[in-house]
Amino acid sequence: MLDNEAFGSFVFYSTLLIIKMYIVAIITGQVRLRKKAFANPEDAMRHGGITFAREDPDVERCRRAHHNDMENIFPFLFLGAVYSMTEPTLLIARTHFQVFFLGRVVHTVAYLLALKAPTRSLAYIIAQVPCFSMAVQVLIAVASYR
């Protein structure tokens, strides 16, 4: 499978995206500890008492960033894998994967640091362009099988 260079590129950028998601999860945990805002009573009891079983705006911001990643990266994983099987030009495929990856990194940074609008929105839109492009190209490639 990795003889397919487009698929190899897809695997590379997908793995970076998964690592980025793990980093956001770790950041969320660290913010929970720093803010003493735990989702579960047993965690709060371990870190100072039941009063720390509460929500915190900074923790919620991290959670929303992570949730947004899941809503966008999971579809990319499917689209990119299938798109890679359509034998796209390597340069074009790699550009799709790079643009999506960079868009998601900027989106996460903008989300976590609460950067001024429209930074996050623009990053989201930029990352969606290659996904839409890949979806259309996959549909064209399989249209004859309908």
N, C-alpha and C. Protein backbone atom coordinates (compact mmCIF):
# COMPACT_ATOMS: atom_id res chain seq x y z
N MET A 1 0.81 -1.20 0.00
CA MET A 1 0.00 0.00 0.00
C MET A 1 0.85 1.27 0.00
N LEU A 2 1.96 1.22 0.71
CA LEU A 2 2.78 2.43 0.78
C LEU A 2 3.58 2.64 -0.49
N ASP A 3 3.43 1.73 -1.48
CA ASP A 3 4.02 1.97 -2.80
C ASP A 3 3.28 3.11 -3.49
N ASN A 4 2.04 3.31 -3.09
CA ASN A 4 1.24 4.42 -3.60
C ASN A 4 1.72 5.68 -2.88
N GLU A 5 2.47 6.52 -3.60
CA GLU A 5 3.07 7.70 -2.96
C GLU A 5 2.03 8.67 -2.40
N ALA A 6 0.91 8.79 -3.07
CA ALA A 6 -0.15 9.66 -2.57
C ALA A 6 -0.66 9.12 -1.24
N PHE A 7 -0.82 7.81 -1.15
CA PHE A 7 -1.28 7.21 0.10
C PHE A 7 -0.24 7.39 1.20
N GLY A 8 1.03 7.25 0.85
CA GLY A 8 2.10 7.47 1.82
C GLY A 8 2.08 8.89 2.37
N SER A 9 1.85 9.86 1.48
CA SER A 9 1.73 11.24 1.91
C SER A 9 0.52 11.43 2.83
N PHE A 10 -0.59 10.81 2.44
CA PHE A 10 -1.80 10.86 3.26
C PHE A 10 -1.52 10.28 4.65
N VAL A 11 -0.85 9.15 4.73
CA VAL A 11 -0.54 8.52 6.02
C VAL A 11 0.32 9.46 6.86
N PHE A 12 1.30 10.10 6.24
CA PHE A 12 2.17 11.02 6.96
C PHE A 12 1.37 12.16 7.59
N TYR A 13 0.55 12.85 6.80
CA TYR A 13 -0.20 13.99 7.33
C TYR A 13 -1.32 13.55 8.28
N SER A 14 -1.90 12.41 8.03
CA SER A 14 -2.93 11.89 8.95
C SER A 14 -2.32 11.58 10.31
N THR A 15 -1.14 11.01 10.31
CA THR A 15 -0.47 10.70 11.57
C THR A 15 -0.13 11.98 12.32
N LEU A 16 0.32 13.00 11.61
CA LEU A 16 0.57 14.30 12.26
C LEU A 16 -0.70 14.86 12.87
N LEU A 17 -1.83 14.72 12.17
CA LEU A 17 -3.10 15.21 12.69
C LEU A 17 -3.53 14.46 13.95
N ILE A 18 -3.32 13.16 13.96
CA ILE A 18 -3.66 12.36 15.15
C ILE A 18 -2.78 12.78 16.33
N ILE A 19 -1.50 12.99 16.06
CA ILE A 19 -0.60 13.46 17.12
C ILE A 19 -1.07 14.82 17.63
N LYS A 20 -1.49 15.70 16.71
CA LYS A 20 -2.01 17.01 17.12
C LYS A 20 -3.23 16.85 18.02
N MET A 21 -4.09 15.90 17.70
CA MET A 21 -5.26 15.66 18.55
C MET A 21 -4.85 15.18 19.94
N TYR A 22 -3.85 14.31 20.00
CA TYR A 22 -3.35 13.87 21.31
C TYR A 22 -2.79 15.04 22.10
N ILE A 23 -2.10 15.94 21.42
CA ILE A 23 -1.54 17.11 22.10
C ILE A 23 -2.66 17.98 22.67
N VAL A 24 -3.74 18.17 21.92
CA VAL A 24 -4.87 18.95 22.43
C VAL A 24 -5.48 18.25 23.65
N ALA A 25 -5.57 16.93 23.62
CA ALA A 25 -6.09 16.18 24.77
C ALA A 25 -5.20 16.38 25.99
N ILE A 26 -3.90 16.35 25.79
CA ILE A 26 -2.95 16.56 26.90
C ILE A 26 -3.09 17.99 27.43
N ILE A 27 -3.20 18.96 26.53
CA ILE A 27 -3.38 20.35 26.95
C ILE A 27 -4.66 20.48 27.78
N THR A 28 -5.73 19.83 27.34
CA THR A 28 -6.99 19.87 28.09
C THR A 28 -6.80 19.34 29.50
N GLY A 29 -6.10 18.22 29.63
CA GLY A 29 -5.83 17.66 30.95
C GLY A 29 -5.00 18.59 31.82
N GLN A 30 -4.01 19.21 31.22
CA GLN A 30 -3.16 20.13 31.97
C GLN A 30 -3.94 21.37 32.43
N VAL A 31 -4.82 21.87 31.57
CA VAL A 31 -5.64 23.02 31.94
C VAL A 31 -6.59 22.63 33.07
N ARG A 32 -7.15 21.42 33.01
CA ARG A 32 -8.01 20.92 34.10
C ARG A 32 -7.25 20.92 35.42
N LEU A 33 -6.04 20.42 35.40
CA LEU A 33 -5.24 20.36 36.63
C LEU A 33 -4.91 21.76 37.14
N ARG A 34 -4.48 22.63 36.22
CA ARG A 34 -4.10 23.99 36.62
C ARG A 34 -5.30 24.77 37.16
N LYS A 35 -6.46 24.59 36.54
CA LYS A 35 -7.67 25.32 36.94
C LYS A 35 -8.47 24.59 38.01
N LYS A 36 -8.06 23.37 38.32
CA LYS A 36 -8.79 22.53 39.28
C LYS A 36 -10.27 22.47 38.90
N ALA A 37 -10.52 22.02 37.69
CA ALA A 37 -11.89 21.89 37.18
C ALA A 37 -12.02 20.50 36.56
N PHE A 38 -12.62 19.60 37.32
CA PHE A 38 -12.68 18.21 36.93
C PHE A 38 -14.08 17.79 36.54
N ALA A 39 -14.16 16.93 35.54
CA ALA A 39 -15.45 16.49 35.01
C ALA A 39 -16.12 15.47 35.92
N ASN A 40 -15.32 14.72 36.66
CA ASN A 40 -15.85 13.62 37.48
C ASN A 40 -15.57 13.85 38.96
N PRO A 41 -16.54 13.55 39.81
CA PRO A 41 -16.36 13.75 41.25
C PRO A 41 -15.15 13.00 41.82
N GLU A 42 -14.90 11.79 41.33
CA GLU A 42 -13.76 11.03 41.86
C GLU A 42 -12.42 11.71 41.55
N ASP A 43 -12.35 12.40 40.41
CA ASP A 43 -11.13 13.14 40.09
C ASP A 43 -11.01 14.38 40.97
N ALA A 44 -12.13 15.05 41.19
CA ALA A 44 -12.14 16.23 42.05
C ALA A 44 -11.73 15.86 43.47
N MET A 45 -12.24 14.74 43.98
CA MET A 45 -11.90 14.31 45.35
C MET A 45 -10.40 14.06 45.48
N ARG A 46 -9.80 13.56 44.44
CA ARG A 46 -8.37 13.26 44.46
C ARG A 46 -7.53 14.55 44.43
N HIS A 47 -8.14 15.64 43.95
CA HIS A 47 -7.39 16.89 43.77
C HIS A 47 -7.94 18.04 44.59
N GLY A 48 -8.52 17.76 45.73
CA GLY A 48 -8.91 18.86 46.62
C GLY A 48 -10.34 18.86 47.10
N GLY A 49 -11.20 18.05 46.54
CA GLY A 49 -12.57 18.00 47.05
C GLY A 49 -13.62 18.13 45.97
N ILE A 50 -14.83 17.78 46.36
CA ILE A 50 -15.96 17.75 45.43
C ILE A 50 -16.26 19.11 44.81
N THR A 51 -15.87 20.18 45.48
CA THR A 51 -16.14 21.53 44.91
C THR A 51 -15.41 21.75 43.60
N PHE A 52 -14.40 20.92 43.33
CA PHE A 52 -13.64 21.07 42.09
C PHE A 52 -14.23 20.24 40.95
N ALA A 53 -15.36 19.60 41.19
CA ALA A 53 -16.10 18.93 40.11
C ALA A 53 -16.97 20.01 39.48
N ARG A 54 -16.39 20.73 38.55
CA ARG A 54 -17.06 21.90 37.99
C ARG A 54 -16.55 22.16 36.58
N GLU A 55 -17.24 23.05 35.90
CA GLU A 55 -16.80 23.48 34.58
C GLU A 55 -15.95 24.73 34.70
N ASP A 56 -15.08 24.91 33.72
CA ASP A 56 -14.24 26.10 33.66
C ASP A 56 -14.20 26.56 32.20
N PRO A 57 -14.29 27.85 31.93
CA PRO A 57 -14.32 28.34 30.54
C PRO A 57 -13.08 27.95 29.73
N ASP A 58 -11.92 27.94 30.37
CA ASP A 58 -10.70 27.58 29.64
C ASP A 58 -10.67 26.09 29.31
N VAL A 59 -11.13 25.26 30.23
CA VAL A 59 -11.22 23.82 29.98
C VAL A 59 -12.23 23.56 28.87
N GLU A 60 -13.35 24.25 28.93
CA GLU A 60 -14.39 24.06 27.91
C GLU A 60 -13.89 24.50 26.53
N ARG A 61 -13.08 25.53 26.47
CA ARG A 61 -12.50 25.97 25.20
C ARG A 61 -11.61 24.86 24.63
N CYS A 62 -10.80 24.24 25.46
CA CYS A 62 -9.95 23.13 25.02
C CYS A 62 -10.80 21.96 24.54
N ARG A 63 -11.85 21.65 25.28
CA ARG A 63 -12.74 20.55 24.89
C ARG A 63 -13.42 20.84 23.56
N ARG A 64 -13.83 22.07 23.35
CA ARG A 64 -14.48 22.42 22.07
C ARG A 64 -13.48 22.30 20.92
N ALA A 65 -12.25 22.69 21.15
CA ALA A 65 -11.23 22.55 20.11
C ALA A 65 -11.03 21.08 19.76
N HIS A 66 -10.99 20.23 20.78
CA HIS A 66 -10.81 18.80 20.56
C HIS A 66 -12.03 18.22 19.82
N HIS A 67 -13.21 18.62 20.25
CA HIS A 67 -14.43 18.14 19.60
C HIS A 67 -14.47 18.57 18.13
N ASN A 68 -14.08 19.81 17.87
CA ASN A 68 -14.05 20.31 16.50
C ASN A 68 -13.06 19.50 15.66
N ASP A 69 -11.93 19.13 16.25
CA ASP A 69 -10.98 18.27 15.54
C ASP A 69 -11.64 16.96 15.13
N MET A 70 -12.36 16.35 16.05
CA MET A 70 -13.01 15.07 15.74
C MET A 70 -14.03 15.24 14.61
N GLU A 71 -14.77 16.33 14.64
CA GLU A 71 -15.78 16.57 13.59
C GLU A 71 -15.16 16.78 12.22
N ASN A 72 -13.92 17.22 12.17
CA ASN A 72 -13.29 17.54 10.89
C ASN A 72 -12.20 16.57 10.46
N ILE A 73 -11.43 16.09 11.40
CA ILE A 73 -10.32 15.20 11.04
C ILE A 73 -10.82 13.81 10.70
N PHE A 74 -11.82 13.30 11.40
CA PHE A 74 -12.32 11.96 11.09
C PHE A 74 -12.83 11.87 9.65
N PRO A 75 -13.65 12.82 9.16
CA PRO A 75 -14.05 12.75 7.75
C PRO A 75 -12.85 12.85 6.80
N PHE A 76 -11.86 13.69 7.16
CA PHE A 76 -10.65 13.80 6.33
C PHE A 76 -9.96 12.45 6.22
N LEU A 77 -9.92 11.69 7.30
CA LEU A 77 -9.25 10.39 7.28
C LEU A 77 -9.90 9.47 6.25
N PHE A 78 -11.22 9.49 6.20
CA PHE A 78 -11.93 8.67 5.21
C PHE A 78 -11.69 9.21 3.80
N LEU A 79 -11.97 10.51 3.62
CA LEU A 79 -11.84 11.10 2.28
C LEU A 79 -10.43 10.97 1.72
N GLY A 80 -9.44 11.26 2.55
CA GLY A 80 -8.05 11.19 2.09
C GLY A 80 -7.63 9.79 1.72
N ALA A 81 -8.07 8.80 2.49
CA ALA A 81 -7.72 7.41 2.20
C ALA A 81 -8.32 6.98 0.87
N VAL A 82 -9.61 7.26 0.69
CA VAL A 82 -10.29 6.86 -0.55
C VAL A 82 -9.73 7.67 -1.73
N TYR A 83 -9.54 8.94 -1.53
CA TYR A 83 -8.98 9.81 -2.59
C TYR A 83 -7.61 9.26 -3.03
N SER A 84 -6.80 8.81 -2.10
CA SER A 84 -5.48 8.27 -2.42
C SER A 84 -5.57 7.06 -3.33
N MET A 85 -6.67 6.33 -3.26
CA MET A 85 -6.86 5.14 -4.09
C MET A 85 -7.28 5.48 -5.52
N THR A 86 -7.62 6.74 -5.78
CA THR A 86 -8.06 7.14 -7.12
C THR A 86 -6.88 7.50 -8.03
N GLU A 87 -5.67 7.25 -7.55
CA GLU A 87 -4.44 7.53 -8.29
C GLU A 87 -4.31 9.00 -8.68
N PRO A 88 -4.41 9.89 -7.69
CA PRO A 88 -4.26 11.32 -8.01
C PRO A 88 -2.79 11.65 -8.29
N THR A 89 -2.57 12.78 -8.92
CA THR A 89 -1.21 13.28 -9.11
C THR A 89 -0.62 13.54 -7.73
N LEU A 90 0.61 13.09 -7.52
CA LEU A 90 1.24 13.21 -6.20
C LEU A 90 1.28 14.65 -5.70
N LEU A 91 1.68 15.59 -6.54
CA LEU A 91 1.79 16.99 -6.13
C LEU A 91 0.43 17.53 -5.68
N ILE A 92 -0.60 17.22 -6.43
CA ILE A 92 -1.94 17.71 -6.09
C ILE A 92 -2.43 17.05 -4.80
N ALA A 93 -2.22 15.75 -4.68
CA ALA A 93 -2.64 15.04 -3.47
C ALA A 93 -1.91 15.60 -2.25
N ARG A 94 -0.61 15.74 -2.36
CA ARG A 94 0.18 16.26 -1.24
C ARG A 94 -0.28 17.67 -0.86
N THR A 95 -0.61 18.49 -1.86
CA THR A 95 -1.10 19.84 -1.59
C THR A 95 -2.42 19.78 -0.81
N HIS A 96 -3.32 18.88 -1.22
CA HIS A 96 -4.58 18.71 -0.48
C HIS A 96 -4.29 18.39 1.00
N PHE A 97 -3.41 17.44 1.22
CA PHE A 97 -3.12 17.00 2.60
C PHE A 97 -2.43 18.10 3.40
N GLN A 98 -1.49 18.81 2.77
CA GLN A 98 -0.78 19.88 3.47
C GLN A 98 -1.70 21.03 3.83
N VAL A 99 -2.54 21.42 2.90
CA VAL A 99 -3.46 22.54 3.17
C VAL A 99 -4.40 22.18 4.31
N PHE A 100 -4.93 20.95 4.29
CA PHE A 100 -5.82 20.54 5.37
C PHE A 100 -5.06 20.55 6.70
N PHE A 101 -3.88 19.94 6.71
CA PHE A 101 -3.09 19.88 7.94
C PHE A 101 -2.79 21.28 8.48
N LEU A 102 -2.30 22.16 7.64
CA LEU A 102 -1.95 23.52 8.10
C LEU A 102 -3.19 24.28 8.55
N GLY A 103 -4.29 24.11 7.83
CA GLY A 103 -5.54 24.76 8.24
C GLY A 103 -5.98 24.30 9.62
N ARG A 104 -5.87 23.01 9.89
CA ARG A 104 -6.28 22.48 11.20
C ARG A 104 -5.33 22.93 12.30
N VAL A 105 -4.05 23.03 12.01
CA VAL A 105 -3.10 23.52 13.03
C VAL A 105 -3.42 24.98 13.37
N VAL A 106 -3.62 25.80 12.35
CA VAL A 106 -3.95 27.21 12.60
C VAL A 106 -5.28 27.31 13.34
N HIS A 107 -6.26 26.50 12.96
CA HIS A 107 -7.56 26.50 13.63
C HIS A 107 -7.40 26.18 15.12
N THR A 108 -6.62 25.17 15.42
CA THR A 108 -6.42 24.78 16.82
C THR A 108 -5.71 25.87 17.61
N VAL A 109 -4.68 26.44 17.04
CA VAL A 109 -3.96 27.53 17.72
C VAL A 109 -4.91 28.70 17.95
N ALA A 110 -5.68 29.04 16.93
CA ALA A 110 -6.63 30.16 17.07
C ALA A 110 -7.68 29.86 18.13
N TYR A 111 -8.11 28.61 18.20
CA TYR A 111 -9.12 28.22 19.19
C TYR A 111 -8.54 28.28 20.61
N LEU A 112 -7.40 27.65 20.80
CA LEU A 112 -6.82 27.57 22.15
C LEU A 112 -6.36 28.92 22.67
N LEU A 113 -5.87 29.77 21.79
CA LEU A 113 -5.37 31.08 22.22
C LEU A 113 -6.41 32.18 22.09
N ALA A 114 -7.62 31.82 21.67
CA ALA A 114 -8.72 32.78 21.49
C ALA A 114 -8.27 33.96 20.63
N LEU A 115 -7.67 33.64 19.48
CA LEU A 115 -7.21 34.69 18.57
C LEU A 115 -8.40 35.44 18.00
N LYS A 116 -8.14 36.66 17.57
CA LYS A 116 -9.18 37.52 17.01
C LYS A 116 -9.87 36.86 15.81
N ALA A 117 -11.17 37.08 15.73
CA ALA A 117 -11.92 36.66 14.56
C ALA A 117 -11.46 37.52 13.38
N PRO A 118 -11.43 37.01 12.20
CA PRO A 118 -11.94 35.72 11.73
C PRO A 118 -10.85 34.65 11.56
N THR A 119 -9.78 34.71 12.32
CA THR A 119 -8.67 33.77 12.14
C THR A 119 -9.14 32.32 12.14
N ARG A 120 -9.89 31.94 13.17
CA ARG A 120 -10.34 30.55 13.29
C ARG A 120 -11.27 30.18 12.14
N SER A 121 -12.19 31.06 11.79
CA SER A 121 -13.13 30.79 10.70
C SER A 121 -12.42 30.62 9.37
N LEU A 122 -11.45 31.49 9.10
CA LEU A 122 -10.70 31.37 7.85
C LEU A 122 -9.91 30.07 7.80
N ALA A 123 -9.31 29.69 8.91
CA ALA A 123 -8.56 28.42 8.96
C ALA A 123 -9.50 27.25 8.70
N TYR A 124 -10.69 27.31 9.27
CA TYR A 124 -11.68 26.25 9.06
C TYR A 124 -12.05 26.16 7.58
N ILE A 125 -12.35 27.30 6.96
CA ILE A 125 -12.75 27.31 5.55
C ILE A 125 -11.62 26.80 4.66
N ILE A 126 -10.41 27.27 4.92
CA ILE A 126 -9.26 26.83 4.12
C ILE A 126 -9.09 25.32 4.22
N ALA A 127 -9.27 24.76 5.40
CA ALA A 127 -9.11 23.31 5.57
C ALA A 127 -10.24 22.53 4.91
N GLN A 128 -11.40 23.15 4.74
CA GLN A 128 -12.52 22.45 4.11
C GLN A 128 -12.40 22.38 2.59
N VAL A 129 -11.67 23.30 2.00
CA VAL A 129 -11.53 23.32 0.54
C VAL A 129 -10.94 22.00 0.02
N PRO A 130 -9.82 21.51 0.54
CA PRO A 130 -9.31 20.24 0.02
C PRO A 130 -10.24 19.06 0.31
N CYS A 131 -10.97 19.11 1.42
CA CYS A 131 -11.92 18.03 1.70
C CYS A 131 -13.03 18.00 0.66
N PHE A 132 -13.56 19.16 0.34
CA PHE A 132 -14.61 19.24 -0.68
C PHE A 132 -14.06 18.78 -2.02
N SER A 133 -12.86 19.22 -2.36
CA SER A 133 -12.22 18.82 -3.61
C SER A 133 -12.04 17.31 -3.68
N MET A 134 -11.55 16.72 -2.60
CA MET A 134 -11.35 15.26 -2.58
C MET A 134 -12.68 14.53 -2.70
N ALA A 135 -13.70 15.01 -2.01
CA ALA A 135 -15.02 14.37 -2.07
C ALA A 135 -15.56 14.38 -3.51
N VAL A 136 -15.43 15.51 -4.19
CA VAL A 136 -15.91 15.60 -5.57
C VAL A 136 -15.12 14.65 -6.46
N GLN A 137 -13.80 14.62 -6.29
CA GLN A 137 -12.97 13.75 -7.13
C GLN A 137 -13.26 12.27 -6.87
N VAL A 138 -13.52 11.91 -5.63
CA VAL A 138 -13.89 10.52 -5.31
C VAL A 138 -15.21 10.17 -5.98
N LEU A 139 -16.20 11.06 -5.87
CA LEU A 139 -17.51 10.80 -6.50
C LEU A 139 -17.37 10.66 -8.01
N ILE A 140 -16.57 11.49 -8.62
CA ILE A 140 -16.35 11.38 -10.07
C ILE A 140 -15.72 10.04 -10.41
N ALA A 141 -14.75 9.63 -9.59
CA ALA A 141 -14.02 8.37 -9.86
C ALA A 141 -14.93 7.14 -9.72
N VAL A 142 -15.92 7.23 -8.84
CA VAL A 142 -16.77 6.04 -8.60
C VAL A 142 -18.16 6.18 -9.21
N ALA A 143 -18.43 7.27 -9.91
CA ALA A 143 -19.76 7.51 -10.48
C ALA A 143 -20.23 6.38 -11.37
N SER A 144 -19.33 5.76 -12.09
CA SER A 144 -19.73 4.68 -12.99
C SER A 144 -20.17 3.41 -12.24
N TYR A 145 -19.88 3.33 -10.95
CA TYR A 145 -20.24 2.15 -10.16
C TYR A 145 -21.62 2.28 -9.51
N ARG A 146 -22.24 3.43 -9.66
CA ARG A 146 -23.52 3.64 -9.00
C ARG A 146 -24.51 2.69 -9.56
